[in-house]
Amino acid sequence: MSEKTEAHPNDVEAQESIGQRVDPILEHLDAGDAEVDKTLIRKKFIDIWQYENGDKLDDEGQYLTLVAVFIYNAHNVLDEANVRIDKARSMIVAALAAWKKTELDKMIEKEKASENPFKTFVENHQPQVDETHTWEHFLLEHKKVDDTNWVYKMKKCWFAQFFIRFGRTDYIETACCFDKIPWEARKDYVDLKLNNLFARLGSTCQFDYKPAKDK
């Protein structure tokens, strides 16, 4: 691991700067009754961020790496604390959702105040997807975009490749749950049909959004 990194492991200031990247997510991680040392997750995050030369990545690469490295180390430390993987997954996704909550709440407020919340959701969220799930890392293609249906397909998954590289394919599903957070917060006016094969080591993933039917 030390052969790849160009960081200076004894540079305390640099390590603290890296740790501050994950702090806003870590503060929301609630492990319940499990004895989990968050400082250990932070330390392991710093180690892998340096290994991945995270400071030299572009903005998109840093965002993806931040999420993936948090998921990876949180899972590992929760596992060491004897937290089942399904329970750990819920804890990790809840922390990520809380991290995104302020940003999401502002968008949802605007959407619900509009004449067509679904249309405004597509207008709000499509630019975010395009920014974070670029062609280079996801081979993203929009199949249909209108007021009644938004379908996009990915033929590659940066997250899946990351967890395969680190030997934890069982963590891919957690990244998928992270991608569903925008929908989870909008279930009252957005329906999602998700066909994700990457979690089963397949080669495609498709998000199919439609307006939620009146309950």
N, C-alpha and C. Protein backbone atom coordinates (compact mmCIF):
# COMPACT_ATOMS: atom_id res chain seq x y z
N MET A 1 0.83 -1.20 0.00
CA MET A 1 0.00 0.00 0.00
C MET A 1 0.86 1.25 0.00
N SER A 2 1.97 1.22 0.70
CA SER A 2 2.82 2.40 0.81
C SER A 2 3.52 2.71 -0.50
N GLU A 3 3.59 1.75 -1.43
CA GLU A 3 4.28 1.99 -2.69
C GLU A 3 3.49 2.92 -3.59
N LYS A 4 2.17 2.91 -3.45
CA LYS A 4 1.36 3.72 -4.34
C LYS A 4 1.23 5.16 -3.88
N THR A 5 1.08 5.38 -2.60
CA THR A 5 0.81 6.72 -2.10
C THR A 5 2.02 7.64 -2.21
N GLU A 6 1.72 8.90 -2.52
CA GLU A 6 2.77 9.91 -2.59
C GLU A 6 2.67 10.86 -1.40
N ALA A 7 1.72 10.56 -0.51
CA ALA A 7 1.54 11.44 0.65
C ALA A 7 2.64 11.18 1.67
N HIS A 8 2.81 12.11 2.56
CA HIS A 8 3.79 11.98 3.63
C HIS A 8 3.04 11.58 4.90
N PRO A 9 3.13 10.31 5.34
CA PRO A 9 2.34 9.83 6.46
C PRO A 9 2.60 10.55 7.76
N ASN A 10 3.74 11.23 7.88
CA ASN A 10 4.05 11.93 9.12
C ASN A 10 3.61 13.39 9.08
N ASP A 11 2.99 13.80 8.00
CA ASP A 11 2.53 15.17 7.87
C ASP A 11 1.19 15.29 8.60
N VAL A 12 1.24 15.69 9.86
CA VAL A 12 0.05 15.73 10.70
C VAL A 12 -0.98 16.70 10.13
N GLU A 13 -0.54 17.83 9.64
CA GLU A 13 -1.45 18.82 9.09
C GLU A 13 -2.21 18.27 7.89
N ALA A 14 -1.51 17.56 7.02
CA ALA A 14 -2.14 16.98 5.84
C ALA A 14 -3.15 15.91 6.24
N GLN A 15 -2.78 15.09 7.22
CA GLN A 15 -3.69 14.05 7.67
C GLN A 15 -4.95 14.64 8.30
N GLU A 16 -4.79 15.70 9.05
CA GLU A 16 -5.95 16.34 9.66
C GLU A 16 -6.88 16.92 8.60
N SER A 17 -6.29 17.49 7.55
CA SER A 17 -7.09 18.03 6.46
C SER A 17 -7.90 16.93 5.78
N ILE A 18 -7.28 15.77 5.61
CA ILE A 18 -7.98 14.63 5.01
C ILE A 18 -9.10 14.15 5.93
N GLY A 19 -8.80 14.05 7.21
CA GLY A 19 -9.81 13.60 8.17
C GLY A 19 -11.04 14.50 8.19
N GLN A 20 -10.82 15.79 7.98
CA GLN A 20 -11.93 16.73 8.00
C GLN A 20 -12.89 16.52 6.84
N ARG A 21 -12.45 15.81 5.82
CA ARG A 21 -13.34 15.51 4.70
C ARG A 21 -14.46 14.55 5.12
N VAL A 22 -14.12 13.59 5.96
CA VAL A 22 -15.09 12.57 6.34
C VAL A 22 -15.84 12.92 7.63
N ASP A 23 -15.35 13.89 8.38
CA ASP A 23 -15.99 14.26 9.65
C ASP A 23 -17.49 14.56 9.52
N PRO A 24 -17.92 15.32 8.47
CA PRO A 24 -19.35 15.64 8.37
C PRO A 24 -20.24 14.42 8.17
N ILE A 25 -19.68 13.33 7.65
CA ILE A 25 -20.46 12.09 7.52
C ILE A 25 -20.36 11.29 8.81
N LEU A 26 -19.17 11.20 9.35
CA LEU A 26 -18.94 10.41 10.57
C LEU A 26 -19.79 10.89 11.74
N GLU A 27 -20.03 12.19 11.82
CA GLU A 27 -20.78 12.72 12.95
C GLU A 27 -22.21 12.19 12.97
N HIS A 28 -22.69 11.73 11.82
CA HIS A 28 -24.07 11.22 11.73
C HIS A 28 -24.14 9.69 11.90
N LEU A 29 -23.00 9.03 12.00
CA LEU A 29 -23.01 7.57 12.11
C LEU A 29 -23.43 7.15 13.51
N ASP A 30 -24.56 6.48 13.59
CA ASP A 30 -25.09 6.00 14.87
C ASP A 30 -25.00 4.48 14.88
N ALA A 31 -24.12 3.94 15.69
CA ALA A 31 -23.92 2.50 15.76
C ALA A 31 -24.77 1.83 16.83
N GLY A 32 -25.69 2.56 17.40
CA GLY A 32 -26.56 1.97 18.41
C GLY A 32 -25.78 1.56 19.64
N ASP A 33 -26.02 0.33 20.09
CA ASP A 33 -25.35 -0.17 21.29
C ASP A 33 -23.97 -0.75 21.02
N ALA A 34 -23.60 -0.85 19.75
CA ALA A 34 -22.30 -1.43 19.40
C ALA A 34 -21.17 -0.49 19.83
N GLU A 35 -20.10 -1.07 20.28
CA GLU A 35 -18.92 -0.29 20.69
C GLU A 35 -18.06 -0.05 19.46
N VAL A 36 -18.28 1.08 18.83
CA VAL A 36 -17.59 1.42 17.58
C VAL A 36 -16.73 2.66 17.80
N ASP A 37 -15.47 2.55 17.44
CA ASP A 37 -14.52 3.65 17.58
C ASP A 37 -14.50 4.45 16.27
N LYS A 38 -15.19 5.58 16.27
CA LYS A 38 -15.24 6.40 15.06
C LYS A 38 -13.86 6.94 14.67
N THR A 39 -13.01 7.14 15.66
CA THR A 39 -11.67 7.64 15.33
C THR A 39 -10.89 6.61 14.52
N LEU A 40 -11.22 5.33 14.70
CA LEU A 40 -10.57 4.29 13.92
C LEU A 40 -11.03 4.35 12.46
N ILE A 41 -12.33 4.60 12.27
CA ILE A 41 -12.85 4.77 10.90
C ILE A 41 -12.15 5.96 10.24
N ARG A 42 -12.00 7.04 11.00
CA ARG A 42 -11.34 8.24 10.48
C ARG A 42 -9.89 7.96 10.10
N LYS A 43 -9.19 7.24 10.97
CA LYS A 43 -7.79 6.92 10.71
C LYS A 43 -7.65 6.06 9.46
N LYS A 44 -8.50 5.06 9.35
CA LYS A 44 -8.45 4.17 8.17
C LYS A 44 -8.83 4.94 6.91
N PHE A 45 -9.77 5.88 7.05
CA PHE A 45 -10.14 6.72 5.91
C PHE A 45 -8.92 7.50 5.41
N ILE A 46 -8.20 8.11 6.34
CA ILE A 46 -7.01 8.89 5.98
C ILE A 46 -5.99 8.01 5.25
N ASP A 47 -5.78 6.81 5.76
CA ASP A 47 -4.81 5.89 5.15
C ASP A 47 -5.17 5.58 3.70
N ILE A 48 -6.44 5.25 3.45
CA ILE A 48 -6.83 4.86 2.09
C ILE A 48 -6.92 6.08 1.18
N TRP A 49 -7.35 7.22 1.72
CA TRP A 49 -7.37 8.43 0.91
C TRP A 49 -5.96 8.75 0.40
N GLN A 50 -4.99 8.61 1.27
CA GLN A 50 -3.60 8.83 0.85
C GLN A 50 -3.17 7.78 -0.17
N TYR A 51 -3.55 6.54 0.05
CA TYR A 51 -3.22 5.45 -0.87
C TYR A 51 -3.79 5.72 -2.26
N GLU A 52 -4.98 6.30 -2.29
CA GLU A 52 -5.64 6.61 -3.56
C GLU A 52 -5.21 7.96 -4.13
N ASN A 53 -4.27 8.65 -3.45
CA ASN A 53 -3.85 9.99 -3.86
C ASN A 53 -5.06 10.90 -4.07
N GLY A 54 -5.97 10.86 -3.07
CA GLY A 54 -7.23 11.57 -3.19
C GLY A 54 -7.11 13.05 -3.43
N ASP A 55 -6.10 13.69 -2.85
CA ASP A 55 -5.95 15.14 -3.02
C ASP A 55 -5.65 15.53 -4.46
N LYS A 56 -5.20 14.58 -5.28
CA LYS A 56 -4.85 14.88 -6.67
C LYS A 56 -5.99 14.56 -7.63
N LEU A 57 -7.09 14.02 -7.12
CA LEU A 57 -8.23 13.69 -7.98
C LEU A 57 -9.02 14.94 -8.32
N ASP A 58 -9.79 14.88 -9.41
CA ASP A 58 -10.68 15.99 -9.74
C ASP A 58 -11.87 15.97 -8.78
N ASP A 59 -12.73 16.96 -8.89
CA ASP A 59 -13.84 17.10 -7.93
C ASP A 59 -14.74 15.86 -7.92
N GLU A 60 -15.04 15.34 -9.10
CA GLU A 60 -15.89 14.16 -9.18
C GLU A 60 -15.22 12.96 -8.53
N GLY A 61 -13.92 12.79 -8.83
CA GLY A 61 -13.18 11.68 -8.25
C GLY A 61 -13.09 11.77 -6.74
N GLN A 62 -12.94 12.98 -6.21
CA GLN A 62 -12.87 13.16 -4.76
C GLN A 62 -14.22 12.83 -4.12
N TYR A 63 -15.31 13.24 -4.76
CA TYR A 63 -16.64 12.97 -4.22
C TYR A 63 -16.89 11.46 -4.16
N LEU A 64 -16.63 10.77 -5.24
CA LEU A 64 -16.85 9.32 -5.29
C LEU A 64 -15.95 8.61 -4.30
N THR A 65 -14.69 9.04 -4.22
CA THR A 65 -13.75 8.40 -3.31
C THR A 65 -14.13 8.65 -1.86
N LEU A 66 -14.59 9.85 -1.54
CA LEU A 66 -15.04 10.16 -0.19
C LEU A 66 -16.14 9.19 0.24
N VAL A 67 -17.14 9.02 -0.60
CA VAL A 67 -18.27 8.15 -0.27
C VAL A 67 -17.82 6.70 -0.17
N ALA A 68 -17.06 6.24 -1.15
CA ALA A 68 -16.65 4.84 -1.20
C ALA A 68 -15.73 4.47 -0.03
N VAL A 69 -14.77 5.33 0.28
CA VAL A 69 -13.83 5.02 1.36
C VAL A 69 -14.53 5.06 2.72
N PHE A 70 -15.49 5.98 2.87
CA PHE A 70 -16.28 5.97 4.10
C PHE A 70 -17.05 4.66 4.23
N ILE A 71 -17.75 4.26 3.17
CA ILE A 71 -18.52 3.01 3.19
C ILE A 71 -17.61 1.84 3.54
N TYR A 72 -16.47 1.75 2.88
CA TYR A 72 -15.55 0.63 3.06
C TYR A 72 -15.07 0.53 4.51
N ASN A 73 -14.59 1.63 5.05
CA ASN A 73 -14.03 1.58 6.40
C ASN A 73 -15.09 1.48 7.48
N ALA A 74 -16.24 2.13 7.27
CA ALA A 74 -17.32 2.01 8.24
C ALA A 74 -17.80 0.57 8.32
N HIS A 75 -17.96 -0.07 7.17
CA HIS A 75 -18.36 -1.47 7.15
C HIS A 75 -17.33 -2.33 7.90
N ASN A 76 -16.07 -2.13 7.61
CA ASN A 76 -15.02 -2.95 8.23
C ASN A 76 -15.00 -2.78 9.75
N VAL A 77 -15.10 -1.56 10.22
CA VAL A 77 -15.04 -1.32 11.66
C VAL A 77 -16.32 -1.82 12.34
N LEU A 78 -17.46 -1.65 11.70
CA LEU A 78 -18.70 -2.17 12.26
C LEU A 78 -18.68 -3.70 12.29
N ASP A 79 -18.08 -4.30 11.30
CA ASP A 79 -17.95 -5.75 11.28
C ASP A 79 -17.07 -6.22 12.44
N GLU A 80 -16.00 -5.50 12.71
CA GLU A 80 -15.13 -5.84 13.84
C GLU A 80 -15.86 -5.70 15.17
N ALA A 81 -16.90 -4.87 15.18
CA ALA A 81 -17.71 -4.69 16.40
C ALA A 81 -18.89 -5.67 16.42
N ASN A 82 -18.86 -6.64 15.50
CA ASN A 82 -19.88 -7.70 15.44
C ASN A 82 -21.26 -7.18 15.05
N VAL A 83 -21.29 -6.13 14.22
CA VAL A 83 -22.55 -5.64 13.67
C VAL A 83 -22.80 -6.36 12.35
N ARG A 84 -23.97 -7.00 12.21
CA ARG A 84 -24.30 -7.71 10.98
C ARG A 84 -24.26 -6.77 9.78
N ILE A 85 -23.91 -7.30 8.63
CA ILE A 85 -23.72 -6.45 7.45
C ILE A 85 -24.99 -5.72 7.05
N ASP A 86 -26.16 -6.36 7.16
CA ASP A 86 -27.39 -5.68 6.78
C ASP A 86 -27.70 -4.52 7.73
N LYS A 87 -27.46 -4.74 9.01
CA LYS A 87 -27.65 -3.68 9.99
C LYS A 87 -26.63 -2.57 9.81
N ALA A 88 -25.39 -2.95 9.53
CA ALA A 88 -24.34 -1.96 9.28
C ALA A 88 -24.68 -1.13 8.05
N ARG A 89 -25.20 -1.79 7.04
CA ARG A 89 -25.57 -1.07 5.81
C ARG A 89 -26.61 0.01 6.11
N SER A 90 -27.60 -0.32 6.92
CA SER A 90 -28.62 0.66 7.28
C SER A 90 -28.02 1.83 8.04
N MET A 91 -27.08 1.55 8.94
CA MET A 91 -26.42 2.61 9.71
C MET A 91 -25.61 3.53 8.80
N ILE A 92 -24.89 2.94 7.87
CA ILE A 92 -24.03 3.70 6.97
C ILE A 92 -24.85 4.56 6.03
N VAL A 93 -25.91 3.99 5.47
CA VAL A 93 -26.76 4.75 4.55
C VAL A 93 -27.49 5.86 5.30
N ALA A 94 -27.89 5.60 6.54
CA ALA A 94 -28.55 6.63 7.35
C ALA A 94 -27.61 7.81 7.58
N ALA A 95 -26.32 7.52 7.82
CA ALA A 95 -25.34 8.58 8.02
C ALA A 95 -25.16 9.40 6.74
N LEU A 96 -25.11 8.72 5.60
CA LEU A 96 -24.96 9.40 4.32
C LEU A 96 -26.20 10.24 4.01
N ALA A 97 -27.38 9.71 4.34
CA ALA A 97 -28.62 10.45 4.10
C ALA A 97 -28.67 11.71 4.97
N ALA A 98 -28.25 11.60 6.22
CA ALA A 98 -28.23 12.76 7.11
C ALA A 98 -27.23 13.81 6.61
N TRP A 99 -26.12 13.34 6.06
CA TRP A 99 -25.10 14.22 5.49
C TRP A 99 -25.67 15.02 4.32
N LYS A 100 -26.54 14.39 3.53
CA LYS A 100 -27.11 15.05 2.35
C LYS A 100 -28.42 15.78 2.65
N LYS A 101 -28.93 15.65 3.86
CA LYS A 101 -30.29 16.10 4.18
C LYS A 101 -30.53 17.59 3.92
N THR A 102 -29.64 18.45 4.37
CA THR A 102 -29.86 19.88 4.20
C THR A 102 -29.99 20.24 2.73
N GLU A 103 -29.10 19.70 1.91
CA GLU A 103 -29.15 19.94 0.47
C GLU A 103 -30.45 19.41 -0.13
N LEU A 104 -30.84 18.20 0.26
CA LEU A 104 -32.05 17.58 -0.26
C LEU A 104 -33.31 18.33 0.16
N ASP A 105 -33.36 18.74 1.41
CA ASP A 105 -34.53 19.44 1.92
C ASP A 105 -34.84 20.70 1.12
N LYS A 106 -33.80 21.43 0.75
CA LYS A 106 -34.00 22.66 -0.03
C LYS A 106 -34.59 22.34 -1.40
N MET A 107 -34.09 21.29 -2.03
CA MET A 107 -34.59 20.90 -3.34
C MET A 107 -36.02 20.40 -3.26
N ILE A 108 -36.31 19.59 -2.25
CA ILE A 108 -37.65 19.01 -2.09
C ILE A 108 -38.67 20.10 -1.80
N GLU A 109 -38.29 21.09 -1.00
CA GLU A 109 -39.20 22.20 -0.71
C GLU A 109 -39.58 22.93 -2.00
N LYS A 110 -38.60 23.14 -2.87
CA LYS A 110 -38.85 23.81 -4.15
C LYS A 110 -39.73 22.94 -5.04
N GLU A 111 -39.48 21.64 -5.05
CA GLU A 111 -40.26 20.73 -5.89
C GLU A 111 -41.71 20.66 -5.46
N LYS A 112 -41.95 20.54 -4.16
CA LYS A 112 -43.31 20.43 -3.65
C LYS A 112 -44.10 21.72 -3.83
N ALA A 113 -43.41 22.83 -3.91
CA ALA A 113 -44.07 24.12 -4.10
C ALA A 113 -44.39 24.39 -5.56
N SER A 114 -43.88 23.58 -6.46
CA SER A 114 -44.09 23.80 -7.89
C SER A 114 -45.40 23.16 -8.35
N GLU A 115 -45.83 23.51 -9.56
CA GLU A 115 -47.07 22.96 -10.10
C GLU A 115 -46.92 21.48 -10.43
N ASN A 116 -45.71 21.08 -10.79
CA ASN A 116 -45.45 19.68 -11.15
C ASN A 116 -44.20 19.21 -10.40
N PRO A 117 -44.38 18.66 -9.20
CA PRO A 117 -43.22 18.25 -8.39
C PRO A 117 -42.31 17.25 -9.10
N PHE A 118 -42.88 16.32 -9.85
CA PHE A 118 -42.04 15.33 -10.54
C PHE A 118 -41.17 16.01 -11.59
N LYS A 119 -41.77 16.89 -12.38
CA LYS A 119 -41.00 17.59 -13.40
C LYS A 119 -39.87 18.39 -12.77
N THR A 120 -40.17 19.07 -11.67
CA THR A 120 -39.15 19.87 -11.01
C THR A 120 -38.08 18.98 -10.40
N PHE A 121 -38.46 17.79 -9.92
CA PHE A 121 -37.49 16.82 -9.42
C PHE A 121 -36.50 16.45 -10.51
N VAL A 122 -37.01 16.16 -11.71
CA VAL A 122 -36.13 15.79 -12.82
C VAL A 122 -35.20 16.95 -13.17
N GLU A 123 -35.76 18.15 -13.19
CA GLU A 123 -34.95 19.34 -13.50
C GLU A 123 -33.87 19.56 -12.45
N ASN A 124 -34.18 19.25 -11.19
CA ASN A 124 -33.22 19.43 -10.10
C ASN A 124 -32.16 18.34 -10.09
N HIS A 125 -32.61 17.09 -10.25
CA HIS A 125 -31.72 15.96 -9.98
C HIS A 125 -30.90 15.51 -11.19
N GLN A 126 -31.41 15.73 -12.39
CA GLN A 126 -30.65 15.30 -13.57
C GLN A 126 -29.28 15.96 -13.66
N PRO A 127 -29.16 17.27 -13.41
CA PRO A 127 -27.82 17.87 -13.45
C PRO A 127 -26.88 17.27 -12.40
N GLN A 128 -27.41 16.89 -11.23
CA GLN A 128 -26.58 16.26 -10.21
C GLN A 128 -26.07 14.90 -10.68
N VAL A 129 -26.95 14.12 -11.28
CA VAL A 129 -26.55 12.81 -11.79
C VAL A 129 -25.49 12.97 -12.87
N ASP A 130 -25.71 13.93 -13.77
CA ASP A 130 -24.74 14.15 -14.84
C ASP A 130 -23.38 14.57 -14.30
N GLU A 131 -23.39 15.31 -13.20
CA GLU A 131 -22.14 15.83 -12.63
C GLU A 131 -21.36 14.75 -11.89
N THR A 132 -22.08 13.87 -11.17
CA THR A 132 -21.40 12.88 -10.33
C THR A 132 -21.26 11.51 -10.99
N HIS A 133 -22.08 11.24 -12.00
CA HIS A 133 -22.04 9.93 -12.67
C HIS A 133 -21.69 10.14 -14.15
N THR A 134 -20.49 10.61 -14.37
CA THR A 134 -20.07 10.97 -15.72
C THR A 134 -19.87 9.74 -16.60
N TRP A 135 -19.79 10.01 -17.89
CA TRP A 135 -19.59 8.94 -18.88
C TRP A 135 -18.31 8.15 -18.58
N GLU A 136 -17.27 8.86 -18.21
CA GLU A 136 -15.98 8.20 -17.93
C GLU A 136 -16.10 7.11 -16.88
N HIS A 137 -16.83 7.38 -15.81
CA HIS A 137 -16.88 6.45 -14.68
C HIS A 137 -18.12 5.55 -14.67
N PHE A 138 -19.17 5.94 -15.41
CA PHE A 138 -20.41 5.17 -15.33
C PHE A 138 -21.02 4.81 -16.69
N LEU A 139 -20.49 5.35 -17.79
CA LEU A 139 -21.08 5.14 -19.11
C LEU A 139 -22.59 5.43 -19.04
N LEU A 140 -22.92 6.59 -18.50
CA LEU A 140 -24.31 6.98 -18.27
C LEU A 140 -24.98 7.41 -19.56
N GLU A 141 -26.21 6.93 -19.75
CA GLU A 141 -27.00 7.30 -20.93
C GLU A 141 -28.45 7.53 -20.51
N HIS A 142 -28.98 8.71 -20.82
CA HIS A 142 -30.39 9.00 -20.54
C HIS A 142 -31.23 8.39 -21.66
N LYS A 143 -32.14 7.51 -21.30
CA LYS A 143 -32.99 6.83 -22.27
C LYS A 143 -34.27 7.62 -22.55
N LYS A 144 -34.79 8.26 -21.52
CA LYS A 144 -36.03 9.02 -21.67
C LYS A 144 -36.09 10.08 -20.59
N VAL A 145 -36.43 11.28 -20.99
CA VAL A 145 -36.56 12.38 -20.02
C VAL A 145 -37.75 13.24 -20.41
N ASP A 146 -38.83 13.16 -19.65
CA ASP A 146 -39.96 14.05 -19.87
C ASP A 146 -40.73 14.21 -18.56
N ASP A 147 -41.93 14.80 -18.65
CA ASP A 147 -42.69 15.13 -17.44
C ASP A 147 -43.28 13.91 -16.75
N THR A 148 -43.28 12.75 -17.43
CA THR A 148 -43.92 11.56 -16.87
C THR A 148 -42.97 10.40 -16.65
N ASN A 149 -41.75 10.51 -17.16
CA ASN A 149 -40.82 9.38 -17.06
C ASN A 149 -39.39 9.84 -17.27
N TRP A 150 -38.52 9.39 -16.37
CA TRP A 150 -37.08 9.66 -16.52
C TRP A 150 -36.35 8.34 -16.35
N VAL A 151 -35.68 7.92 -17.41
CA VAL A 151 -34.96 6.65 -17.39
C VAL A 151 -33.52 6.88 -17.79
N TYR A 152 -32.60 6.43 -16.94
CA TYR A 152 -31.20 6.46 -17.35
C TYR A 152 -30.53 5.13 -17.00
N LYS A 153 -29.56 4.78 -17.82
CA LYS A 153 -28.90 3.48 -17.72
C LYS A 153 -27.40 3.68 -17.60
N MET A 154 -26.77 2.86 -16.77
CA MET A 154 -25.32 2.89 -16.62
C MET A 154 -24.75 1.53 -17.00
N LYS A 155 -23.74 1.54 -17.85
CA LYS A 155 -23.11 0.31 -18.28
C LYS A 155 -21.76 0.08 -17.60
N LYS A 156 -21.50 0.90 -16.61
CA LYS A 156 -20.26 0.80 -15.84
C LYS A 156 -20.54 1.41 -14.48
N CYS A 157 -19.85 0.94 -13.45
CA CYS A 157 -20.07 1.50 -12.11
C CYS A 157 -18.73 1.69 -11.41
N TRP A 158 -18.38 2.94 -11.18
CA TRP A 158 -17.14 3.25 -10.47
C TRP A 158 -17.14 2.61 -9.10
N PHE A 159 -18.27 2.68 -8.38
CA PHE A 159 -18.35 2.11 -7.05
C PHE A 159 -18.10 0.61 -7.07
N ALA A 160 -18.74 -0.09 -8.02
CA ALA A 160 -18.55 -1.54 -8.11
C ALA A 160 -17.09 -1.87 -8.36
N GLN A 161 -16.45 -1.13 -9.24
CA GLN A 161 -15.04 -1.39 -9.54
C GLN A 161 -14.16 -1.12 -8.32
N PHE A 162 -14.51 -0.09 -7.54
CA PHE A 162 -13.75 0.22 -6.33
C PHE A 162 -13.82 -0.95 -5.35
N PHE A 163 -15.02 -1.43 -5.06
CA PHE A 163 -15.17 -2.49 -4.06
C PHE A 163 -14.66 -3.84 -4.57
N ILE A 164 -14.72 -4.06 -5.85
CA ILE A 164 -14.11 -5.27 -6.42
C ILE A 164 -12.60 -5.21 -6.22
N ARG A 165 -12.04 -4.04 -6.48
CA ARG A 165 -10.59 -3.87 -6.33
C ARG A 165 -10.14 -4.10 -4.89
N PHE A 166 -10.99 -3.72 -3.92
CA PHE A 166 -10.66 -3.90 -2.52
C PHE A 166 -11.18 -5.23 -1.96
N GLY A 167 -11.71 -6.08 -2.82
CA GLY A 167 -12.11 -7.42 -2.42
C GLY A 167 -13.36 -7.49 -1.58
N ARG A 168 -14.25 -6.49 -1.66
CA ARG A 168 -15.48 -6.50 -0.87
C ARG A 168 -16.68 -6.22 -1.78
N THR A 169 -17.01 -7.18 -2.60
CA THR A 169 -18.15 -7.01 -3.50
C THR A 169 -19.46 -6.88 -2.74
N ASP A 170 -19.50 -7.35 -1.49
CA ASP A 170 -20.72 -7.25 -0.70
C ASP A 170 -21.01 -5.81 -0.26
N TYR A 171 -20.08 -4.90 -0.48
CA TYR A 171 -20.30 -3.50 -0.15
C TYR A 171 -20.91 -2.72 -1.33
N ILE A 172 -20.96 -3.32 -2.52
CA ILE A 172 -21.52 -2.64 -3.69
C ILE A 172 -22.97 -2.24 -3.42
N GLU A 173 -23.71 -3.12 -2.77
CA GLU A 173 -25.12 -2.84 -2.49
C GLU A 173 -25.28 -1.59 -1.63
N THR A 174 -24.33 -1.32 -0.76
CA THR A 174 -24.41 -0.13 0.09
C THR A 174 -24.28 1.14 -0.77
N ALA A 175 -23.40 1.10 -1.75
CA ALA A 175 -23.27 2.24 -2.67
C ALA A 175 -24.55 2.43 -3.46
N CYS A 176 -25.20 1.33 -3.83
CA CYS A 176 -26.48 1.41 -4.53
C CYS A 176 -27.53 2.07 -3.65
N CYS A 177 -27.55 1.71 -2.38
CA CYS A 177 -28.48 2.33 -1.44
C CYS A 177 -28.20 3.82 -1.31
N PHE A 178 -26.93 4.19 -1.37
CA PHE A 178 -26.57 5.61 -1.34
C PHE A 178 -27.17 6.34 -2.54
N ASP A 179 -27.11 5.72 -3.71
CA ASP A 179 -27.66 6.34 -4.91
C ASP A 179 -29.18 6.46 -4.86
N LYS A 180 -29.82 5.69 -4.00
CA LYS A 180 -31.28 5.75 -3.88
C LYS A 180 -31.76 6.80 -2.87
N ILE A 181 -30.83 7.42 -2.15
CA ILE A 181 -31.22 8.41 -1.13
C ILE A 181 -32.10 9.52 -1.69
N PRO A 182 -31.78 10.08 -2.88
CA PRO A 182 -32.65 11.15 -3.41
C PRO A 182 -34.09 10.69 -3.61
N TRP A 183 -34.27 9.42 -3.99
CA TRP A 183 -35.63 8.90 -4.16
C TRP A 183 -36.29 8.60 -2.82
N GLU A 184 -35.54 8.05 -1.88
CA GLU A 184 -36.10 7.71 -0.57
C GLU A 184 -36.74 8.93 0.08
N ALA A 185 -36.17 10.09 -0.17
CA ALA A 185 -36.68 11.32 0.44
C ALA A 185 -37.88 11.90 -0.31
N ARG A 186 -38.23 11.29 -1.47
CA ARG A 186 -39.29 11.83 -2.33
C ARG A 186 -40.37 10.79 -2.65
N LYS A 187 -40.48 9.76 -1.87
CA LYS A 187 -41.38 8.66 -2.19
C LYS A 187 -42.84 9.10 -2.35
N ASP A 188 -43.21 10.19 -1.71
CA ASP A 188 -44.61 10.61 -1.79
C ASP A 188 -44.99 11.16 -3.16
N TYR A 189 -44.00 11.53 -4.00
CA TYR A 189 -44.35 12.00 -5.34
C TYR A 189 -43.46 11.44 -6.45
N VAL A 190 -42.55 10.53 -6.10
CA VAL A 190 -41.70 9.89 -7.10
C VAL A 190 -41.65 8.38 -6.86
N ASP A 191 -41.90 7.61 -7.91
CA ASP A 191 -41.74 6.16 -7.87
C ASP A 191 -40.44 5.78 -8.59
N LEU A 192 -39.79 4.75 -8.10
CA LEU A 192 -38.55 4.29 -8.73
C LEU A 192 -38.60 2.79 -8.95
N LYS A 193 -38.32 2.39 -10.18
CA LYS A 193 -38.09 0.98 -10.50
C LYS A 193 -36.61 0.85 -10.81
N LEU A 194 -35.90 0.16 -9.93
CA LEU A 194 -34.45 0.05 -10.07
C LEU A 194 -34.06 -1.36 -10.47
N ASN A 195 -33.32 -1.44 -11.55
CA ASN A 195 -32.80 -2.74 -12.01
C ASN A 195 -31.28 -2.67 -11.92
N ASN A 196 -30.75 -3.09 -10.77
CA ASN A 196 -29.32 -2.96 -10.52
C ASN A 196 -28.66 -4.33 -10.55
N LEU A 197 -27.86 -4.57 -11.58
CA LEU A 197 -27.16 -5.85 -11.71
C LEU A 197 -25.74 -5.78 -11.18
N PHE A 198 -25.22 -4.57 -10.95
CA PHE A 198 -23.84 -4.45 -10.48
C PHE A 198 -23.65 -5.11 -9.11
N ALA A 199 -24.68 -5.03 -8.25
CA ALA A 199 -24.56 -5.64 -6.93
C ALA A 199 -24.42 -7.16 -7.02
N ARG A 200 -24.85 -7.72 -8.16
CA ARG A 200 -24.70 -9.17 -8.39
C ARG A 200 -23.62 -9.42 -9.43
N LEU A 201 -22.71 -8.44 -9.55
CA LEU A 201 -21.57 -8.51 -10.47
C LEU A 201 -22.00 -8.59 -11.92
N GLY A 202 -23.16 -7.96 -12.22
CA GLY A 202 -23.60 -7.84 -13.60
C GLY A 202 -22.99 -6.62 -14.26
N SER A 203 -23.56 -6.22 -15.40
CA SER A 203 -22.91 -5.18 -16.19
C SER A 203 -23.77 -3.95 -16.47
N THR A 204 -24.97 -3.87 -15.88
CA THR A 204 -25.82 -2.70 -16.11
C THR A 204 -26.59 -2.31 -14.85
N CYS A 205 -27.06 -1.07 -14.86
CA CYS A 205 -27.92 -0.57 -13.80
C CYS A 205 -28.85 0.46 -14.43
N GLN A 206 -30.14 0.32 -14.17
CA GLN A 206 -31.09 1.26 -14.77
C GLN A 206 -32.03 1.83 -13.71
N PHE A 207 -32.14 3.16 -13.69
CA PHE A 207 -33.08 3.88 -12.84
C PHE A 207 -34.26 4.32 -13.70
N ASP A 208 -35.46 3.95 -13.28
CA ASP A 208 -36.67 4.29 -14.02
C ASP A 208 -37.61 5.03 -13.06
N TYR A 209 -37.66 6.37 -13.21
CA TYR A 209 -38.48 7.20 -12.33
C TYR A 209 -39.80 7.57 -13.01
N LYS A 210 -40.88 7.54 -12.24
CA LYS A 210 -42.20 7.99 -12.69
C LYS A 210 -42.89 8.73 -11.54
N PRO A 211 -43.89 9.55 -11.85
CA PRO A 211 -44.62 10.21 -10.77
C PRO A 211 -45.32 9.15 -9.91
N ALA A 212 -45.30 9.35 -8.61
CA ALA A 212 -45.99 8.42 -7.72
C ALA A 212 -47.48 8.54 -7.90
N LYS A 213 -48.15 7.40 -7.89
CA LYS A 213 -49.62 7.42 -8.00
C LYS A 213 -50.21 7.89 -6.68
N ASP A 214 -51.34 8.54 -6.77
CA ASP A 214 -52.02 9.01 -5.56
C ASP A 214 -52.34 7.83 -4.66
N LYS A 215 -52.03 7.97 -3.38
CA LYS A 215 -52.28 6.89 -2.42
C LYS A 215 -53.76 6.81 -2.09
